[in-house]
């Protein structure tokens, strides 16, 4: 997370995560040729989570197998000051071109542009 976003929220640290599940069918115009063009588009589900945190020290119980004793240990941790989760649907559309590297190979070079 950027420093300007953290200072605007008044938080010393933070993180963000994005999970997505998309379905994007591809429509090829010349699939067996050396050169091909294709269109791609679809939709999906997106989940974004933002957490504002502050560093702290936590205490856990550790075990020493040599002496057979349990003892407290201080470890670095984060306290979550606040979080925000957003779920939304989304769309994407695009297209590209491919060129076979060799005539009998399935290896291709491709260029694609997509709006998401």
PDB file of N, CA and C in Angstrom:
ATOM      1  N   UNK A   1       0.855  -1.162   0.000  1.00  0.00           N
ATOM      2  CA  UNK A   1       0.000   0.000   0.000  1.00  0.00           C
ATOM      3  C   UNK A   1       0.905   1.229   0.000  1.00  0.00           C
ATOM      4  N   UNK A   2       0.538   2.273  -0.731  1.00  0.00           N
ATOM      5  CA  UNK A   2       1.398   3.444  -0.863  1.00  0.00           C
ATOM      6  C   UNK A   2       1.384   4.303   0.398  1.00  0.00           C
ATOM      7  N   UNK A   3       2.466   5.029   0.594  1.00  0.00           N
ATOM      8  CA  UNK A   3       2.584   5.896   1.762  1.00  0.00           C
ATOM      9  C   UNK A   3       1.534   6.981   1.799  1.00  0.00           C
ATOM     10  N   UNK A   4       1.153   7.525   0.629  1.00  0.00           N
ATOM     11  CA  UNK A   4       0.137   8.585   0.610  1.00  0.00           C
ATOM     12  C   UNK A   4      -1.235   8.047   1.007  1.00  0.00           C
ATOM     13  N   UNK A   5      -1.566   6.825   0.600  1.00  0.00           N
ATOM     14  CA  UNK A   5      -2.845   6.227   0.997  1.00  0.00           C
ATOM     15  C   UNK A   5      -2.863   5.948   2.493  1.00  0.00           C
ATOM     16  N   UNK A   6      -1.735   5.494   3.035  1.00  0.00           N
ATOM     17  CA  UNK A   6      -1.666   5.224   4.471  1.00  0.00           C
ATOM     18  C   UNK A   6      -1.749   6.500   5.288  1.00  0.00           C
ATOM     19  N   UNK A   7      -1.066   7.560   4.860  1.00  0.00           N
ATOM     20  CA  UNK A   7      -1.124   8.810   5.609  1.00  0.00           C
ATOM     21  C   UNK A   7      -2.508   9.439   5.524  1.00  0.00           C
ATOM     22  N   UNK A   8      -3.186   9.288   4.391  1.00  0.00           N
ATOM     23  CA  UNK A   8      -4.557   9.805   4.279  1.00  0.00           C
ATOM     24  C   UNK A   8      -5.505   9.070   5.224  1.00  0.00           C
ATOM     25  N   UNK A   9      -5.257   7.778   5.457  1.00  0.00           N
ATOM     26  CA  UNK A   9      -6.097   6.989   6.368  1.00  0.00           C
ATOM     27  C   UNK A   9      -5.624   7.111   7.814  1.00  0.00           C
ATOM     28  N   UNK A  10      -4.439   7.679   8.038  1.00  0.00           N
ATOM     29  CA  UNK A  10      -3.915   7.816   9.387  1.00  0.00           C
ATOM     30  C   UNK A  10      -3.455   6.497   9.977  1.00  0.00           C
ATOM     31  N   UNK A  11      -2.989   5.595   9.140  1.00  0.00           N
ATOM     32  CA  UNK A  11      -2.537   4.282   9.606  1.00  0.00           C
ATOM     33  C   UNK A  11      -1.048   4.129   9.321  1.00  0.00           C
ATOM     34  N   UNK A  12      -0.289   3.476  10.230  1.00  0.00           N
ATOM     35  CA  UNK A  12       1.147   3.310   9.996  1.00  0.00           C
ATOM     36  C   UNK A  12       1.501   2.249   8.961  1.00  0.00           C
ATOM     37  N   UNK A  13       0.643   1.252   8.760  1.00  0.00           N
ATOM     38  CA  UNK A  13       0.940   0.189   7.802  1.00  0.00           C
ATOM     39  C   UNK A  13      -0.370  -0.356   7.245  1.00  0.00           C
ATOM     40  N   UNK A  14      -0.263  -1.159   6.183  1.00  0.00           N
ATOM     41  CA  UNK A  14      -1.474  -1.729   5.607  1.00  0.00           C
ATOM     42  C   UNK A  14      -1.150  -2.694   4.494  1.00  0.00           C
ATOM     43  N   UNK A  15      -2.185  -3.378   4.052  1.00  0.00           N
ATOM     44  CA  UNK A  15      -2.030  -4.321   2.946  1.00  0.00           C
ATOM     45  C   UNK A  15      -3.348  -4.408   2.194  1.00  0.00           C
ATOM     46  N   UNK A  16      -3.259  -4.915   0.983  1.00  0.00           N
ATOM     47  CA  UNK A  16      -4.452  -5.103   0.167  1.00  0.00           C
ATOM     48  C   UNK A  16      -4.332  -6.432  -0.572  1.00  0.00           C
ATOM     49  N   UNK A  17      -5.462  -7.088  -0.777  1.00  0.00           N
ATOM     50  CA  UNK A  17      -5.515  -8.354  -1.506  1.00  0.00           C
ATOM     51  C   UNK A  17      -6.668  -8.291  -2.486  1.00  0.00           C
ATOM     52  N   UNK A  18      -6.462  -8.894  -3.653  1.00  0.00           N
ATOM     53  CA  UNK A  18      -7.518  -9.011  -4.653  1.00  0.00           C
ATOM     54  C   UNK A  18      -7.598 -10.464  -5.089  1.00  0.00           C
ATOM     55  N   UNK A  19      -8.790 -11.045  -4.993  1.00  0.00           N
ATOM     56  CA  UNK A  19      -9.059 -12.393  -5.487  1.00  0.00           C
ATOM     57  C   UNK A  19     -10.046 -12.266  -6.635  1.00  0.00           C
ATOM     58  N   UNK A  20      -9.855 -13.076  -7.662  1.00  0.00           N
ATOM     59  CA  UNK A  20     -10.773 -12.997  -8.794  1.00  0.00           C
ATOM     60  C   UNK A  20     -11.016 -14.376  -9.382  1.00  0.00           C
ATOM     61  N   UNK A  21     -12.159 -14.492  -9.984  1.00  0.00           N
ATOM     62  CA  UNK A  21     -12.540 -15.692 -10.718  1.00  0.00           C
ATOM     63  C   UNK A  21     -13.189 -15.198 -12.000  1.00  0.00           C
ATOM     64  N   UNK A  22     -12.581 -15.507 -13.145  1.00  0.00           N
ATOM     65  CA  UNK A  22     -13.099 -15.003 -14.416  1.00  0.00           C
ATOM     66  C   UNK A  22     -13.315 -16.127 -15.412  1.00  0.00           C
ATOM     67  N   UNK A  23     -14.211 -15.882 -16.318  1.00  0.00           N
ATOM     68  CA  UNK A  23     -14.489 -16.780 -17.431  1.00  0.00           C
ATOM     69  C   UNK A  23     -14.305 -15.963 -18.698  1.00  0.00           C
ATOM     70  N   UNK A  24     -13.332 -16.340 -19.528  1.00  0.00           N
ATOM     71  CA  UNK A  24     -12.984 -15.564 -20.718  1.00  0.00           C
ATOM     72  C   UNK A  24     -12.862 -16.478 -21.935  1.00  0.00           C
ATOM     73  N   UNK A  25     -13.948 -16.708 -22.644  1.00  0.00           N
ATOM     74  CA  UNK A  25     -13.843 -17.506 -23.866  1.00  0.00           C
ATOM     75  C   UNK A  25     -13.056 -16.770 -24.950  1.00  0.00           C
ATOM     76  N   UNK A  26     -12.378 -17.537 -25.797  1.00  0.00           N
ATOM     77  CA  UNK A  26     -11.594 -16.990 -26.899  1.00  0.00           C
ATOM     78  C   UNK A  26     -12.229 -17.444 -28.213  1.00  0.00           C
ATOM     79  N   UNK A  27     -12.407 -16.504 -29.122  1.00  0.00           N
ATOM     80  CA  UNK A  27     -12.950 -16.796 -30.450  1.00  0.00           C
ATOM     81  C   UNK A  27     -11.833 -16.572 -31.466  1.00  0.00           C
ATOM     82  N   UNK A  28     -11.370 -17.663 -32.079  1.00  0.00           N
ATOM     83  CA  UNK A  28     -10.262 -17.601 -33.046  1.00  0.00           C
ATOM     84  C   UNK A  28     -10.823 -17.529 -34.466  1.00  0.00           C
ATOM     85  N   UNK A  29     -10.188 -16.697 -35.305  1.00  0.00           N
ATOM     86  CA  UNK A  29     -10.662 -16.500 -36.676  1.00  0.00           C
ATOM     87  C   UNK A  29      -9.944 -17.399 -37.683  1.00  0.00           C
ATOM     88  N   UNK A  30      -8.691 -17.784 -37.403  1.00  0.00           N
ATOM     89  CA  UNK A  30      -7.924 -18.647 -38.298  1.00  0.00           C
ATOM     90  C   UNK A  30      -7.074 -19.608 -37.453  1.00  0.00           C
ATOM     91  N   UNK A  31      -7.699 -20.524 -36.691  1.00  0.00           N
ATOM     92  CA  UNK A  31      -6.956 -21.318 -35.713  1.00  0.00           C
ATOM     93  C   UNK A  31      -5.914 -22.255 -36.307  1.00  0.00           C
ATOM     94  N   UNK A  32      -6.049 -22.706 -37.541  1.00  0.00           N
ATOM     95  CA  UNK A  32      -5.096 -23.659 -38.114  1.00  0.00           C
ATOM     96  C   UNK A  32      -4.006 -22.974 -38.946  1.00  0.00           C
ATOM     97  N   UNK A  33      -4.150 -21.692 -39.189  1.00  0.00           N
ATOM     98  CA  UNK A  33      -3.172 -20.986 -40.014  1.00  0.00           C
ATOM     99  C   UNK A  33      -1.927 -20.574 -39.252  1.00  0.00           C
ATOM    100  N   UNK A  34      -0.921 -20.166 -40.012  1.00  0.00           N
ATOM    101  CA  UNK A  34       0.319 -19.700 -39.387  1.00  0.00           C
ATOM    102  C   UNK A  34       0.082 -18.415 -38.613  1.00  0.00           C
ATOM    103  N   UNK A  35      -0.778 -17.534 -39.135  1.00  0.00           N
ATOM    104  CA  UNK A  35      -1.154 -16.297 -38.454  1.00  0.00           C
ATOM    105  C   UNK A  35      -2.617 -16.393 -38.063  1.00  0.00           C
ATOM    106  N   UNK A  36      -2.943 -15.905 -36.899  1.00  0.00           N
ATOM    107  CA  UNK A  36      -4.308 -15.984 -36.385  1.00  0.00           C
ATOM    108  C   UNK A  36      -4.643 -14.691 -35.665  1.00  0.00           C
ATOM    109  N   UNK A  37      -5.895 -14.341 -35.695  1.00  0.00           N
ATOM    110  CA  UNK A  37      -6.425 -13.229 -34.903  1.00  0.00           C
ATOM    111  C   UNK A  37      -7.515 -13.796 -34.009  1.00  0.00           C
ATOM    112  N   UNK A  38      -7.681 -13.197 -32.860  1.00  0.00           N
ATOM    113  CA  UNK A  38      -8.704 -13.699 -31.945  1.00  0.00           C
ATOM    114  C   UNK A  38      -9.327 -12.553 -31.151  1.00  0.00           C
ATOM    115  N   UNK A  39     -10.523 -12.822 -30.668  1.00  0.00           N
ATOM    116  CA  UNK A  39     -11.231 -11.898 -29.781  1.00  0.00           C
ATOM    117  C   UNK A  39     -11.448 -12.627 -28.459  1.00  0.00           C
ATOM    118  N   UNK A  40     -11.325 -11.905 -27.374  1.00  0.00           N
ATOM    119  CA  UNK A  40     -11.491 -12.497 -26.047  1.00  0.00           C
ATOM    120  C   UNK A  40     -12.364 -11.562 -25.223  1.00  0.00           C
ATOM    121  N   UNK A  41     -13.208 -12.130 -24.411  1.00  0.00           N
ATOM    122  CA  UNK A  41     -14.068 -11.314 -23.557  1.00  0.00           C
ATOM    123  C   UNK A  41     -14.790 -12.180 -22.556  1.00  0.00           C
ATOM    124  N   UNK A  42     -15.188 -11.590 -21.485  1.00  0.00           N
ATOM    125  CA  UNK A  42     -15.904 -12.352 -20.479  1.00  0.00           C
ATOM    126  C   UNK A  42     -16.153 -11.534 -19.240  1.00  0.00           C
ATOM    127  N   UNK A  43     -16.468 -12.232 -18.179  1.00  0.00           N
ATOM    128  CA  UNK A  43     -16.781 -11.573 -16.925  1.00  0.00           C
ATOM    129  C   UNK A  43     -16.300 -12.388 -15.755  1.00  0.00           C
ATOM    130  N   UNK A  44     -16.454 -11.811 -14.582  1.00  0.00           N
ATOM    131  CA  UNK A  44     -15.999 -12.523 -13.405  1.00  0.00           C
ATOM    132  C   UNK A  44     -16.431 -11.879 -12.116  1.00  0.00           C
ATOM    133  N   UNK A  45     -15.940 -12.446 -11.043  1.00  0.00           N
ATOM    134  CA  UNK A  45     -16.216 -12.025  -9.675  1.00  0.00           C
ATOM    135  C   UNK A  45     -14.906 -11.556  -9.053  1.00  0.00           C
ATOM    136  N   UNK A  46     -14.930 -10.407  -8.381  1.00  0.00           N
ATOM    137  CA  UNK A  46     -13.731  -9.828  -7.800  1.00  0.00           C
ATOM    138  C   UNK A  46     -13.987  -9.478  -6.340  1.00  0.00           C
ATOM    139  N   UNK A  47     -13.018  -9.809  -5.474  1.00  0.00           N
ATOM    140  CA  UNK A  47     -13.117  -9.507  -4.050  1.00  0.00           C
ATOM    141  C   UNK A  47     -11.848  -8.771  -3.646  1.00  0.00           C
ATOM    142  N   UNK A  48     -12.015  -7.563  -3.129  1.00  0.00           N
ATOM    143  CA  UNK A  48     -10.882  -6.733  -2.710  1.00  0.00           C
ATOM    144  C   UNK A  48     -10.975  -6.501  -1.206  1.00  0.00           C
ATOM    145  N   UNK A  49      -9.871  -6.729  -0.502  1.00  0.00           N
ATOM    146  CA  UNK A  49      -9.810  -6.498   0.934  1.00  0.00           C
ATOM    147  C   UNK A  49      -8.655  -5.554   1.231  1.00  0.00           C
ATOM    148  N   UNK A  50      -8.931  -4.524   2.006  1.00  0.00           N
ATOM    149  CA  UNK A  50      -7.928  -3.566   2.441  1.00  0.00           C
ATOM    150  C   UNK A  50      -7.867  -3.633   3.962  1.00  0.00           C
ATOM    151  N   UNK A  51      -6.657  -3.755   4.508  1.00  0.00           N
ATOM    152  CA  UNK A  51      -6.468  -3.773   5.955  1.00  0.00           C
ATOM    153  C   UNK A  51      -5.469  -2.696   6.351  1.00  0.00           C
ATOM    154  N   UNK A  52      -5.814  -1.943   7.390  1.00  0.00           N
ATOM    155  CA  UNK A  52      -4.900  -0.970   7.987  1.00  0.00           C
ATOM    156  C   UNK A  52      -4.395  -1.581   9.286  1.00  0.00           C
ATOM    157  N   UNK A  53      -3.075  -1.629   9.434  1.00  0.00           N
ATOM    158  CA  UNK A  53      -2.482  -2.326  10.566  1.00  0.00           C
ATOM    159  C   UNK A  53      -1.491  -1.447  11.310  1.00  0.00           C
ATOM    160  N   UNK A  54      -1.146  -1.909  12.511  1.00  0.00           N
ATOM    161  CA  UNK A  54      -0.125  -1.251  13.313  1.00  0.00           C
ATOM    162  C   UNK A  54       0.772  -2.341  13.885  1.00  0.00           C
ATOM    163  N   UNK A  55       2.100  -2.191  13.745  1.00  0.00           N
ATOM    164  CA  UNK A  55       3.009  -3.204  14.292  1.00  0.00           C
ATOM    165  C   UNK A  55       2.895  -3.280  15.816  1.00  0.00           C
ATOM    166  N   UNK A  56       3.003  -4.483  16.347  1.00  0.00           N
ATOM    167  CA  UNK A  56       2.950  -4.705  17.784  1.00  0.00           C
ATOM    168  C   UNK A  56       3.790  -5.933  18.125  1.00  0.00           C
ATOM    169  N   UNK A  57       3.834  -6.266  19.380  1.00  0.00           N
ATOM    170  CA  UNK A  57       4.538  -7.467  19.842  1.00  0.00           C
ATOM    171  C   UNK A  57       3.500  -8.390  20.475  1.00  0.00           C
ATOM    172  N   UNK A  58       3.517  -9.647  20.050  1.00  0.00           N
ATOM    173  CA  UNK A  58       2.630 -10.649  20.628  1.00  0.00           C
ATOM    174  C   UNK A  58       3.439 -11.668  21.411  1.00  0.00           C
ATOM    175  N   UNK A  59       2.780 -12.337  22.337  1.00  0.00           N
ATOM    176  CA  UNK A  59       3.449 -13.362  23.137  1.00  0.00           C
ATOM    177  C   UNK A  59       2.846 -14.721  22.805  1.00  0.00           C
ATOM    178  N   UNK A  60       3.705 -15.681  22.496  1.00  0.00           N
ATOM    179  CA  UNK A  60       3.278 -17.052  22.222  1.00  0.00           C
ATOM    180  C   UNK A  60       4.040 -17.989  23.159  1.00  0.00           C
ATOM    181  N   UNK A  61       3.512 -19.178  23.325  1.00  0.00           N
ATOM    182  CA  UNK A  61       4.178 -20.184  24.148  1.00  0.00           C
ATOM    183  C   UNK A  61       4.974 -21.111  23.234  1.00  0.00           C
ATOM    184  N   UNK A  62       6.266 -21.246  23.538  1.00  0.00           N
ATOM    185  CA  UNK A  62       7.158 -22.113  22.758  1.00  0.00           C
ATOM    186  C   UNK A  62       7.563 -23.305  23.624  1.00  0.00           C
ATOM    187  N   UNK A  63       8.042 -24.351  22.970  1.00  0.00           N
ATOM    188  CA  UNK A  63       8.482 -25.557  23.670  1.00  0.00           C
ATOM    189  C   UNK A  63       9.922 -25.851  23.296  1.00  0.00           C
ATOM    190  N   UNK A  64      10.759 -26.097  24.296  1.00  0.00           N
ATOM    191  CA  UNK A  64      12.146 -26.479  24.073  1.00  0.00           C
ATOM    192  C   UNK A  64      12.246 -27.983  24.298  1.00  0.00           C
ATOM    193  N   UNK A  65      12.415 -28.782  23.224  1.00  0.00           N
ATOM    194  CA  UNK A  65      12.439 -30.243  23.393  1.00  0.00           C
ATOM    195  C   UNK A  65      13.692 -30.743  24.120  1.00  0.00           C
ATOM    196  N   UNK A  66      14.767 -29.955  24.112  1.00  0.00           N
ATOM    197  CA  UNK A  66      15.990 -30.400  24.794  1.00  0.00           C
ATOM    198  C   UNK A  66      15.800 -30.410  26.311  1.00  0.00           C
ATOM    199  N   UNK A  67      15.220 -29.310  26.844  1.00  0.00           N
ATOM    200  CA  UNK A  67      14.991 -29.225  28.287  1.00  0.00           C
ATOM    201  C   UNK A  67      13.594 -29.694  28.683  1.00  0.00           C
ATOM    202  N   UNK A  68      12.688 -29.803  27.703  1.00  0.00           N
ATOM    203  CA  UNK A  68      11.329 -30.259  27.991  1.00  0.00           C
ATOM    204  C   UNK A  68      10.494 -29.231  28.727  1.00  0.00           C
ATOM    205  N   UNK A  69      10.696 -27.954  28.411  1.00  0.00           N
ATOM    206  CA  UNK A  69       9.953 -26.894  29.109  1.00  0.00           C
ATOM    207  C   UNK A  69       9.215 -26.015  28.103  1.00  0.00           C
ATOM    208  N   UNK A  70       8.113 -25.439  28.578  1.00  0.00           N
ATOM    209  CA  UNK A  70       7.374 -24.431  27.833  1.00  0.00           C
ATOM    210  C   UNK A  70       7.769 -23.063  28.380  1.00  0.00           C
ATOM    211  N   UNK A  71       7.851 -22.060  27.479  1.00  0.00           N
ATOM    212  CA  UNK A  71       8.222 -20.719  27.927  1.00  0.00           C
ATOM    213  C   UNK A  71       7.627 -19.675  26.986  1.00  0.00           C
ATOM    214  N   UNK A  72       7.363 -18.449  27.494  1.00  0.00           N
ATOM    215  CA  UNK A  72       6.799 -17.393  26.646  1.00  0.00           C
ATOM    216  C   UNK A  72       7.872 -16.774  25.752  1.00  0.00           C
ATOM    217  N   UNK A  73       7.466 -16.430  24.524  1.00  0.00           N
ATOM    218  CA  UNK A  73       8.360 -15.797  23.555  1.00  0.00           C
ATOM    219  C   UNK A  73       7.637 -14.605  22.940  1.00  0.00           C
ATOM    220  N   UNK A  74       8.320 -13.465  22.857  1.00  0.00           N
ATOM    221  CA  UNK A  74       7.768 -12.275  22.202  1.00  0.00           C
ATOM    222  C   UNK A  74       8.056 -12.361  20.703  1.00  0.00           C
ATOM    223  N   UNK A  75       7.024 -12.160  19.875  1.00  0.00           N
ATOM    224  CA  UNK A  75       7.162 -12.224  18.421  1.00  0.00           C
ATOM    225  C   UNK A  75       6.523 -10.985  17.799  1.00  0.00           C
ATOM    226  N   UNK A  76       7.060 -10.519  16.653  1.00  0.00           N
ATOM    227  CA  UNK A  76       6.421  -9.384  15.980  1.00  0.00           C
ATOM    228  C   UNK A  76       5.072  -9.797  15.404  1.00  0.00           C
ATOM    229  N   UNK A  77       4.104  -8.889  15.468  1.00  0.00           N
ATOM    230  CA  UNK A  77       2.762  -9.151  14.961  1.00  0.00           C
ATOM    231  C   UNK A  77       2.161  -7.836  14.478  1.00  0.00           C
ATOM    232  N   UNK A  78       0.973  -7.910  13.907  1.00  0.00           N
ATOM    233  CA  UNK A  78       0.236  -6.728  13.461  1.00  0.00           C
ATOM    234  C   UNK A  78      -1.131  -6.707  14.113  1.00  0.00           C
ATOM    235  N   UNK A  79      -1.549  -5.539  14.557  1.00  0.00           N
ATOM    236  CA  UNK A  79      -2.901  -5.329  15.047  1.00  0.00           C
ATOM    237  C   UNK A  79      -3.695  -4.703  13.915  1.00  0.00           C
ATOM    238  N   UNK A  80      -4.836  -5.279  13.571  1.00  0.00           N
ATOM    239  CA  UNK A  80      -5.682  -4.732  12.508  1.00  0.00           C
ATOM    240  C   UNK A  80      -6.499  -3.582  13.094  1.00  0.00           C
ATOM    241  N   UNK A  81      -6.254  -2.378  12.584  1.00  0.00           N
ATOM    242  CA  UNK A  81      -6.983  -1.199  13.043  1.00  0.00           C
ATOM    243  C   UNK A  81      -8.333  -1.074  12.358  1.00  0.00           C
ATOM    244  N   UNK A  82      -8.411  -1.534  11.125  1.00  0.00           N
ATOM    245  CA  UNK A  82      -9.654  -1.474  10.356  1.00  0.00           C
ATOM    246  C   UNK A  82      -9.486  -2.223   9.054  1.00  0.00           C
ATOM    247  N   UNK A  83     -10.597  -2.704   8.526  1.00  0.00           N
ATOM    248  CA  UNK A  83     -10.548  -3.398   7.240  1.00  0.00           C
ATOM    249  C   UNK A  83     -11.803  -3.096   6.452  1.00  0.00           C
ATOM    250  N   UNK A  84     -11.689  -3.260   5.143  1.00  0.00           N
ATOM    251  CA  UNK A  84     -12.789  -2.987   4.221  1.00  0.00           C
ATOM    252  C   UNK A  84     -12.744  -4.041   3.137  1.00  0.00           C
ATOM    253  N   UNK A  85     -13.872  -4.707   2.888  1.00  0.00           N
ATOM    254  CA  UNK A  85     -13.969  -5.718   1.840  1.00  0.00           C
ATOM    255  C   UNK A  85     -15.062  -5.328   0.864  1.00  0.00           C
ATOM    256  N   UNK A  86     -14.777  -5.483  -0.412  1.00  0.00           N
ATOM    257  CA  UNK A  86     -15.725  -5.126  -1.464  1.00  0.00           C
ATOM    258  C   UNK A  86     -15.815  -6.282  -2.456  1.00  0.00           C
ATOM    259  N   UNK A  87     -17.023  -6.689  -2.801  1.00  0.00           N
ATOM    260  CA  UNK A  87     -17.289  -7.752  -3.774  1.00  0.00           C
ATOM    261  C   UNK A  87     -18.020  -7.151  -4.963  1.00  0.00           C
ATOM    262  N   UNK A  88     -17.541  -7.432  -6.172  1.00  0.00           N
ATOM    263  CA  UNK A  88     -18.170  -6.881  -7.370  1.00  0.00           C
ATOM    264  C   UNK A  88     -17.987  -7.815  -8.549  1.00  0.00           C
ATOM    265  N   UNK A  89     -18.827  -7.626  -9.532  1.00  0.00           N
ATOM    266  CA  UNK A  89     -18.666  -8.279 -10.812  1.00  0.00           C
ATOM    267  C   UNK A  89     -17.876  -7.384 -11.742  1.00  0.00           C
ATOM    268  N   UNK A  90     -17.290  -7.964 -12.774  1.00  0.00           N
ATOM    269  CA  UNK A  90     -16.520  -7.173 -13.719  1.00  0.00           C
ATOM    270  C   UNK A  90     -16.543  -7.783 -15.103  1.00  0.00           C
ATOM    271  N   UNK A  91     -16.151  -6.990 -16.089  1.00  0.00           N
ATOM    272  CA  UNK A  91     -16.127  -7.413 -17.491  1.00  0.00           C
ATOM    273  C   UNK A  91     -14.764  -7.109 -18.092  1.00  0.00           C
ATOM    274  N   UNK A  92     -14.399  -7.854 -19.139  1.00  0.00           N
ATOM    275  CA  UNK A  92     -13.200  -7.536 -19.900  1.00  0.00           C
ATOM    276  C   UNK A  92     -13.436  -7.910 -21.354  1.00  0.00           C
ATOM    277  N   UNK A  93     -12.733  -7.198 -22.227  1.00  0.00           N
ATOM    278  CA  UNK A  93     -12.839  -7.447 -23.662  1.00  0.00           C
ATOM    279  C   UNK A  93     -11.494  -7.105 -24.295  1.00  0.00           C
ATOM    280  N   UNK A  94     -11.144  -7.830 -25.349  1.00  0.00           N
ATOM    281  CA  UNK A  94      -9.875  -7.557 -25.999  1.00  0.00           C
ATOM    282  C   UNK A  94      -9.692  -8.383 -27.247  1.00  0.00           C
ATOM    283  N   UNK A  95      -8.485  -8.343 -27.760  1.00  0.00           N
ATOM    284  CA  UNK A  95      -8.163  -9.084 -28.962  1.00  0.00           C
ATOM    285  C   UNK A  95      -6.665  -9.218 -29.124  1.00  0.00           C
ATOM    286  N   UNK A  96      -6.267 -10.083 -30.040  1.00  0.00           N
ATOM    287  CA  UNK A  96      -4.849 -10.281 -30.251  1.00  0.00           C
ATOM    288  C   UNK A  96      -4.560 -10.969 -31.560  1.00  0.00           C
ATOM    289  N   UNK A  97      -3.266 -11.108 -31.823  1.00  0.00           N
ATOM    290  CA  UNK A  97      -2.803 -11.819 -33.005  1.00  0.00           C
ATOM    291  C   UNK A  97      -1.727 -12.801 -32.568  1.00  0.00           C
ATOM    292  N   UNK A  98      -1.638 -13.918 -33.280  1.00  0.00           N
ATOM    293  CA  UNK A  98      -0.612 -14.914 -32.991  1.00  0.00           C
ATOM    294  C   UNK A  98       0.107 -15.263 -34.286  1.00  0.00           C
ATOM    295  N   UNK A  99       1.355 -15.697 -34.122  1.00  0.00           N
ATOM    296  CA  UNK A  99       2.159 -16.164 -35.261  1.00  0.00           C
ATOM    297  C   UNK A  99       2.901 -17.413 -34.812  1.00  0.00           C
ATOM    298  N   UNK A 100       2.750 -18.483 -35.596  1.00  0.00           N
ATOM    299  CA  UNK A 100       3.470 -19.718 -35.301  1.00  0.00           C
ATOM    300  C   UNK A 100       4.961 -19.490 -35.496  1.00  0.00           C
ATOM    301  N   UNK A 101       5.768 -19.966 -34.555  1.00  0.00           N
ATOM    302  CA  UNK A 101       7.218 -19.792 -34.639  1.00  0.00           C
ATOM    303  C   UNK A 101       7.782 -20.643 -35.770  1.00  0.00           C
ATOM    304  N   UNK A 102       7.331 -21.904 -35.849  1.00  0.00           N
ATOM    305  CA  UNK A 102       7.697 -22.800 -36.951  1.00  0.00           C
ATOM    306  C   UNK A 102       6.408 -23.370 -37.510  1.00  0.00           C
ATOM    307  N   UNK A 103       6.416 -23.751 -38.746  1.00  0.00           N
ATOM    308  CA  UNK A 103       5.205 -24.211 -39.413  1.00  0.00           C
ATOM    309  C   UNK A 103       4.540 -25.420 -38.786  1.00  0.00           C
ATOM    310  N   UNK A 104       5.308 -26.385 -38.259  1.00  0.00           N
ATOM    311  CA  UNK A 104       4.722 -27.608 -37.716  1.00  0.00           C
ATOM    312  C   UNK A 104       4.620 -27.588 -36.186  1.00  0.00           C
ATOM    313  N   UNK A 105       5.006 -26.504 -35.552  1.00  0.00           N
ATOM    314  CA  UNK A 105       5.033 -26.422 -34.092  1.00  0.00           C
ATOM    315  C   UNK A 105       3.756 -25.768 -33.555  1.00  0.00           C
ATOM    316  N   UNK A 106       3.439 -26.060 -32.317  1.00  0.00           N
ATOM    317  CA  UNK A 106       2.333 -25.371 -31.640  1.00  0.00           C
ATOM    318  C   UNK A 106       2.819 -24.159 -30.858  1.00  0.00           C
ATOM    319  N   UNK A 107       4.118 -23.876 -30.888  1.00  0.00           N
ATOM    320  CA  UNK A 107       4.673 -22.716 -30.211  1.00  0.00           C
ATOM    321  C   UNK A 107       4.341 -21.468 -31.012  1.00  0.00           C
ATOM    322  N   UNK A 108       3.777 -20.463 -30.317  1.00  0.00           N
ATOM    323  CA  UNK A 108       3.341 -19.247 -30.999  1.00  0.00           C
ATOM    324  C   UNK A 108       3.832 -18.008 -30.265  1.00  0.00           C
ATOM    325  N   UNK A 109       4.035 -16.970 -31.007  1.00  0.00           N
ATOM    326  CA  UNK A 109       4.299 -15.636 -30.481  1.00  0.00           C
ATOM    327  C   UNK A 109       2.979 -14.892 -30.529  1.00  0.00           C
ATOM    328  N   UNK A 110       2.620 -14.155 -29.484  1.00  0.00           N
ATOM    329  CA  UNK A 110       1.343 -13.448 -29.522  1.00  0.00           C
ATOM    330  C   UNK A 110       1.458 -12.048 -28.937  1.00  0.00           C
ATOM    331  N   UNK A 111       0.566 -11.193 -29.385  1.00  0.00           N
ATOM    332  CA  UNK A 111       0.397  -9.830 -28.871  1.00  0.00           C
ATOM    333  C   UNK A 111      -1.080  -9.665 -28.577  1.00  0.00           C
ATOM    334  N   UNK A 112      -1.380  -9.130 -27.392  1.00  0.00           N
ATOM    335  CA  UNK A 112      -2.776  -9.006 -26.990  1.00  0.00           C
ATOM    336  C   UNK A 112      -2.995  -7.662 -26.318  1.00  0.00           C
ATOM    337  N   UNK A 113      -4.162  -7.090 -26.538  1.00  0.00           N
ATOM    338  CA  UNK A 113      -4.595  -5.874 -25.841  1.00  0.00           C
ATOM    339  C   UNK A 113      -5.942  -6.190 -25.210  1.00  0.00           C
ATOM    340  N   UNK A 114      -6.097  -5.750 -23.972  1.00  0.00           N
ATOM    341  CA  UNK A 114      -7.342  -6.071 -23.266  1.00  0.00           C
ATOM    342  C   UNK A 114      -7.745  -4.899 -22.364  1.00  0.00           C
ATOM    343  N   UNK A 115      -9.027  -4.608 -22.334  1.00  0.00           N
ATOM    344  CA  UNK A 115      -9.585  -3.616 -21.410  1.00  0.00           C
ATOM    345  C   UNK A 115     -10.298  -4.372 -20.314  1.00  0.00           C
ATOM    346  N   UNK A 116      -9.901  -4.119 -19.084  1.00  0.00           N
ATOM    347  CA  UNK A 116     -10.452  -4.854 -17.956  1.00  0.00           C
ATOM    348  C   UNK A 116     -11.128  -3.864 -17.032  1.00  0.00           C
TER     349      UNK A 116
END
